[in-house]
């Protein structure tokens, strides 16, 4: 059960945080566009790294 809990924790870490960053970036798009752009870029990078896309392209 420890392995499954660890796996679920990693999935939440790599997918929940970028979703929160994406929502925050979209919410701040009108009031603070520069800050919103930084949040959206950070969310995109986190999605790429968290999804393992950059590691999958090397194989």
PDB file of N, CA and C in Angstrom:
ATOM      1  N   UNK A   1       0.824  -1.203   0.000  1.00  0.00           N
ATOM      2  CA  UNK A   1       0.000   0.000   0.000  1.00  0.00           C
ATOM      3  C   UNK A   1       0.860   1.255   0.000  1.00  0.00           C
ATOM      4  N   UNK A   2       2.078   1.153   0.512  1.00  0.00           N
ATOM      5  CA  UNK A   2       2.956   2.316   0.520  1.00  0.00           C
ATOM      6  C   UNK A   2       3.325   2.766  -0.879  1.00  0.00           C
ATOM      7  N   UNK A   3       3.582   1.814  -1.769  1.00  0.00           N
ATOM      8  CA  UNK A   3       3.947   2.160  -3.136  1.00  0.00           C
ATOM      9  C   UNK A   3       2.826   2.856  -3.875  1.00  0.00           C
ATOM     10  N   UNK A   4       1.602   2.398  -3.650  1.00  0.00           N
ATOM     11  CA  UNK A   4       0.453   3.010  -4.321  1.00  0.00           C
ATOM     12  C   UNK A   4       0.224   4.424  -3.789  1.00  0.00           C
ATOM     13  N   UNK A   5       0.365   4.605  -2.499  1.00  0.00           N
ATOM     14  CA  UNK A   5       0.216   5.943  -1.918  1.00  0.00           C
ATOM     15  C   UNK A   5       1.278   6.899  -2.418  1.00  0.00           C
ATOM     16  N   UNK A   6       2.506   6.407  -2.572  1.00  0.00           N
ATOM     17  CA  UNK A   6       3.597   7.235  -3.091  1.00  0.00           C
ATOM     18  C   UNK A   6       3.327   7.623  -4.537  1.00  0.00           C
ATOM     19  N   UNK A   7       2.823   6.677  -5.324  1.00  0.00           N
ATOM     20  CA  UNK A   7       2.511   6.949  -6.722  1.00  0.00           C
ATOM     21  C   UNK A   7       1.395   7.974  -6.851  1.00  0.00           C
ATOM     22  N   UNK A   8       0.373   7.838  -6.039  1.00  0.00           N
ATOM     23  CA  UNK A   8      -0.726   8.812  -6.061  1.00  0.00           C
ATOM     24  C   UNK A   8      -0.228  10.187  -5.632  1.00  0.00           C
ATOM     25  N   UNK A   9       0.656  10.226  -4.652  1.00  0.00           N
ATOM     26  CA  UNK A   9       1.235  11.494  -4.219  1.00  0.00           C
ATOM     27  C   UNK A   9       2.033  12.166  -5.323  1.00  0.00           C
ATOM     28  N   UNK A  10       2.803  11.390  -6.076  1.00  0.00           N
ATOM     29  CA  UNK A  10       3.568  11.960  -7.190  1.00  0.00           C
ATOM     30  C   UNK A  10       2.650  12.470  -8.292  1.00  0.00           C
ATOM     31  N   UNK A  11       1.596  11.719  -8.570  1.00  0.00           N
ATOM     32  CA  UNK A  11       0.654  12.163  -9.602  1.00  0.00           C
ATOM     33  C   UNK A  11      -0.008  13.475  -9.183  1.00  0.00           C
ATOM     34  N   UNK A  12      -0.405  13.571  -7.931  1.00  0.00           N
ATOM     35  CA  UNK A  12      -1.001  14.819  -7.446  1.00  0.00           C
ATOM     36  C   UNK A  12      -0.011  15.959  -7.498  1.00  0.00           C
ATOM     37  N   UNK A  13       1.249  15.683  -7.172  1.00  0.00           N
ATOM     38  CA  UNK A  13       2.282  16.726  -7.195  1.00  0.00           C
ATOM     39  C   UNK A  13       2.499  17.234  -8.601  1.00  0.00           C
ATOM     40  N   UNK A  14       2.568  16.330  -9.560  1.00  0.00           N
ATOM     41  CA  UNK A  14       2.900  16.727 -10.925  1.00  0.00           C
ATOM     42  C   UNK A  14       1.716  17.200 -11.749  1.00  0.00           C
ATOM     43  N   UNK A  15       0.490  16.980 -11.324  1.00  0.00           N
ATOM     44  CA  UNK A  15      -0.659  17.409 -12.100  1.00  0.00           C
ATOM     45  C   UNK A  15      -1.536  18.430 -11.388  1.00  0.00           C
ATOM     46  N   UNK A  16      -1.588  18.383 -10.073  1.00  0.00           N
ATOM     47  CA  UNK A  16      -2.458  19.308  -9.342  1.00  0.00           C
ATOM     48  C   UNK A  16      -1.864  20.713  -9.293  1.00  0.00           C
ATOM     49  N   UNK A  17      -0.571  20.818  -9.074  1.00  0.00           N
ATOM     50  CA  UNK A  17       0.074  22.130  -8.992  1.00  0.00           C
ATOM     51  C   UNK A  17      -0.015  22.895 -10.318  1.00  0.00           C
ATOM     52  N   UNK A  18       0.264  22.271 -11.479  1.00  0.00           N
ATOM     53  CA  UNK A  18       0.104  23.033 -12.725  1.00  0.00           C
ATOM     54  C   UNK A  18      -1.338  23.450 -13.001  1.00  0.00           C
ATOM     55  N   UNK A  19      -2.295  22.642 -12.585  1.00  0.00           N
ATOM     56  CA  UNK A  19      -3.697  23.021 -12.779  1.00  0.00           C
ATOM     57  C   UNK A  19      -4.025  24.250 -11.937  1.00  0.00           C
ATOM     58  N   UNK A  20      -3.517  24.284 -10.721  1.00  0.00           N
ATOM     59  CA  UNK A  20      -3.740  25.444  -9.858  1.00  0.00           C
ATOM     60  C   UNK A  20      -3.061  26.683 -10.448  1.00  0.00           C
ATOM     61  N   UNK A  21      -1.830  26.520 -10.956  1.00  0.00           N
ATOM     62  CA  UNK A  21      -1.133  27.648 -11.589  1.00  0.00           C
ATOM     63  C   UNK A  21      -1.883  28.136 -12.819  1.00  0.00           C
ATOM     64  N   UNK A  22      -2.434  27.221 -13.593  1.00  0.00           N
ATOM     65  CA  UNK A  22      -3.195  27.594 -14.781  1.00  0.00           C
ATOM     66  C   UNK A  22      -4.445  28.382 -14.408  1.00  0.00           C
ATOM     67  N   UNK A  23      -5.158  27.935 -13.404  1.00  0.00           N
ATOM     68  CA  UNK A  23      -6.362  28.640 -12.964  1.00  0.00           C
ATOM     69  C   UNK A  23      -6.013  30.027 -12.434  1.00  0.00           C
ATOM     70  N   UNK A  24      -4.934  30.120 -11.650  1.00  0.00           N
ATOM     71  CA  UNK A  24      -4.526  31.426 -11.129  1.00  0.00           C
ATOM     72  C   UNK A  24      -4.105  32.360 -12.260  1.00  0.00           C
ATOM     73  N   UNK A  25      -3.402  31.840 -13.257  1.00  0.00           N
ATOM     74  CA  UNK A  25      -2.983  32.663 -14.382  1.00  0.00           C
ATOM     75  C   UNK A  25      -4.153  33.169 -15.191  1.00  0.00           C
ATOM     76  N   UNK A  26      -5.124  32.301 -15.419  1.00  0.00           N
ATOM     77  CA  UNK A  26      -6.301  32.729 -16.178  1.00  0.00           C
ATOM     78  C   UNK A  26      -7.145  33.725 -15.395  1.00  0.00           C
ATOM     79  N   UNK A  27      -7.178  33.592 -14.079  1.00  0.00           N
ATOM     80  CA  UNK A  27      -7.954  34.523 -13.259  1.00  0.00           C
ATOM     81  C   UNK A  27      -7.316  35.911 -13.217  1.00  0.00           C
ATOM     82  N   UNK A  28      -5.995  35.965 -13.295  1.00  0.00           N
ATOM     83  CA  UNK A  28      -5.299  37.254 -13.214  1.00  0.00           C
ATOM     84  C   UNK A  28      -5.000  37.867 -14.578  1.00  0.00           C
ATOM     85  N   UNK A  29      -5.516  37.291 -15.634  1.00  0.00           N
ATOM     86  CA  UNK A  29      -5.170  37.734 -16.974  1.00  0.00           C
ATOM     87  C   UNK A  29      -5.588  39.181 -17.239  1.00  0.00           C
ATOM     88  N   UNK A  30      -6.716  39.595 -16.720  1.00  0.00           N
ATOM     89  CA  UNK A  30      -7.172  40.968 -16.969  1.00  0.00           C
ATOM     90  C   UNK A  30      -6.543  41.969 -16.008  1.00  0.00           C
ATOM     91  N   UNK A  31      -6.404  41.601 -14.750  1.00  0.00           N
ATOM     92  CA  UNK A  31      -5.932  42.570 -13.763  1.00  0.00           C
ATOM     93  C   UNK A  31      -4.415  42.747 -13.802  1.00  0.00           C
ATOM     94  N   UNK A  32      -3.677  41.656 -13.933  1.00  0.00           N
ATOM     95  CA  UNK A  32      -2.214  41.719 -13.973  1.00  0.00           C
ATOM     96  C   UNK A  32      -1.700  40.845 -15.117  1.00  0.00           C
ATOM     97  N   UNK A  33      -1.641  41.386 -16.330  1.00  0.00           N
ATOM     98  CA  UNK A  33      -1.281  40.541 -17.473  1.00  0.00           C
ATOM     99  C   UNK A  33       0.164  40.026 -17.432  1.00  0.00           C
ATOM    100  N   UNK A  34       1.099  40.821 -16.916  1.00  0.00           N
ATOM    101  CA  UNK A  34       2.493  40.359 -16.867  1.00  0.00           C
ATOM    102  C   UNK A  34       2.651  39.198 -15.890  1.00  0.00           C
ATOM    103  N   UNK A  35       2.021  39.317 -14.738  1.00  0.00           N
ATOM    104  CA  UNK A  35       2.071  38.247 -13.745  1.00  0.00           C
ATOM    105  C   UNK A  35       1.357  37.001 -14.262  1.00  0.00           C
ATOM    106  N   UNK A  36       0.271  37.193 -14.966  1.00  0.00           N
ATOM    107  CA  UNK A  36      -0.494  36.065 -15.508  1.00  0.00           C
ATOM    108  C   UNK A  36       0.313  35.306 -16.551  1.00  0.00           C
ATOM    109  N   UNK A  37       1.055  36.020 -17.382  1.00  0.00           N
ATOM    110  CA  UNK A  37       1.879  35.365 -18.390  1.00  0.00           C
ATOM    111  C   UNK A  37       2.945  34.500 -17.744  1.00  0.00           C
ATOM    112  N   UNK A  38       3.541  34.977 -16.676  1.00  0.00           N
ATOM    113  CA  UNK A  38       4.557  34.197 -15.967  1.00  0.00           C
ATOM    114  C   UNK A  38       3.951  32.940 -15.358  1.00  0.00           C
ATOM    115  N   UNK A  39       2.752  33.063 -14.794  1.00  0.00           N
ATOM    116  CA  UNK A  39       2.078  31.901 -14.215  1.00  0.00           C
ATOM    117  C   UNK A  39       1.701  30.882 -15.284  1.00  0.00           C
ATOM    118  N   UNK A  40       1.238  31.363 -16.436  1.00  0.00           N
ATOM    119  CA  UNK A  40       0.854  30.447 -17.503  1.00  0.00           C
ATOM    120  C   UNK A  40       2.067  29.726 -18.082  1.00  0.00           C
ATOM    121  N   UNK A  41       3.189  30.433 -18.209  1.00  0.00           N
ATOM    122  CA  UNK A  41       4.410  29.803 -18.696  1.00  0.00           C
ATOM    123  C   UNK A  41       4.911  28.769 -17.694  1.00  0.00           C
ATOM    124  N   UNK A  42       4.857  29.100 -16.411  1.00  0.00           N
ATOM    125  CA  UNK A  42       5.287  28.154 -15.379  1.00  0.00           C
ATOM    126  C   UNK A  42       4.385  26.920 -15.379  1.00  0.00           C
ATOM    127  N   UNK A  43       3.091  27.109 -15.571  1.00  0.00           N
ATOM    128  CA  UNK A  43       2.171  25.973 -15.620  1.00  0.00           C
ATOM    129  C   UNK A  43       2.465  25.090 -16.828  1.00  0.00           C
ATOM    130  N   UNK A  44       2.753  25.693 -17.971  1.00  0.00           N
ATOM    131  CA  UNK A  44       3.059  24.908 -19.175  1.00  0.00           C
ATOM    132  C   UNK A  44       4.334  24.099 -18.999  1.00  0.00           C
ATOM    133  N   UNK A  45       5.362  24.713 -18.420  1.00  0.00           N
ATOM    134  CA  UNK A  45       6.616  23.996 -18.181  1.00  0.00           C
ATOM    135  C   UNK A  45       6.403  22.869 -17.188  1.00  0.00           C
ATOM    136  N   UNK A  46       5.619  23.129 -16.155  1.00  0.00           N
ATOM    137  CA  UNK A  46       5.358  22.104 -15.149  1.00  0.00           C
ATOM    138  C   UNK A  46       4.562  20.940 -15.748  1.00  0.00           C
ATOM    139  N   UNK A  47       3.620  21.235 -16.669  1.00  0.00           N
ATOM    140  CA  UNK A  47       2.870  20.173 -17.347  1.00  0.00           C
ATOM    141  C   UNK A  47       3.809  19.313 -18.196  1.00  0.00           C
ATOM    142  N   UNK A  48       4.737  19.947 -18.903  1.00  0.00           N
ATOM    143  CA  UNK A  48       5.664  19.207 -19.762  1.00  0.00           C
ATOM    144  C   UNK A  48       6.566  18.310 -18.933  1.00  0.00           C
ATOM    145  N   UNK A  49       7.119  18.857 -17.867  1.00  0.00           N
ATOM    146  CA  UNK A  49       8.016  18.071 -17.021  1.00  0.00           C
ATOM    147  C   UNK A  49       7.235  17.008 -16.247  1.00  0.00           C
ATOM    148  N   UNK A  50       6.092  17.383 -15.711  1.00  0.00           N
ATOM    149  CA  UNK A  50       5.288  16.450 -14.924  1.00  0.00           C
ATOM    150  C   UNK A  50       4.710  15.322 -15.749  1.00  0.00           C
ATOM    151  N   UNK A  51       4.407  15.599 -17.001  1.00  0.00           N
ATOM    152  CA  UNK A  51       3.869  14.567 -17.864  1.00  0.00           C
ATOM    153  C   UNK A  51       4.926  13.628 -18.385  1.00  0.00           C
ATOM    154  N   UNK A  52       6.184  13.970 -18.208  1.00  0.00           N
ATOM    155  CA  UNK A  52       7.257  13.124 -18.688  1.00  0.00           C
ATOM    156  C   UNK A  52       7.471  13.228 -20.173  1.00  0.00           C
ATOM    157  N   UNK A  53       6.968  14.277 -20.760  1.00  0.00           N
ATOM    158  CA  UNK A  53       7.088  14.429 -22.210  1.00  0.00           C
ATOM    159  C   UNK A  53       8.528  14.673 -22.604  1.00  0.00           C
ATOM    160  N   UNK A  54       9.241  15.457 -21.840  1.00  0.00           N
ATOM    161  CA  UNK A  54      10.632  15.741 -22.203  1.00  0.00           C
ATOM    162  C   UNK A  54      11.497  14.487 -22.052  1.00  0.00           C
ATOM    163  N   UNK A  55      11.197  13.647 -21.078  1.00  0.00           N
ATOM    164  CA  UNK A  55      11.939  12.403 -20.926  1.00  0.00           C
ATOM    165  C   UNK A  55      11.558  11.370 -21.985  1.00  0.00           C
ATOM    166  N   UNK A  56      10.305  11.386 -22.416  1.00  0.00           N
ATOM    167  CA  UNK A  56       9.842  10.433 -23.417  1.00  0.00           C
ATOM    168  C   UNK A  56      10.399  10.762 -24.799  1.00  0.00           C
ATOM    169  N   UNK A  57      10.693  12.018 -25.051  1.00  0.00           N
ATOM    170  CA  UNK A  57      11.239  12.397 -26.346  1.00  0.00           C
ATOM    171  C   UNK A  57      12.689  11.948 -26.509  1.00  0.00           C
ATOM    172  N   UNK A  58      13.395  11.719 -25.415  1.00  0.00           N
ATOM    173  CA  UNK A  58      14.779  11.313 -25.499  1.00  0.00           C
ATOM    174  C   UNK A  58      14.934   9.833 -25.835  1.00  0.00           C
ATOM    175  N   UNK A  59      13.886   9.050 -25.672  1.00  0.00           N
ATOM    176  CA  UNK A  59      14.002   7.615 -25.924  1.00  0.00           C
ATOM    177  C   UNK A  59      13.631   7.246 -27.330  1.00  0.00           C
TER     178      UNK A  59
END
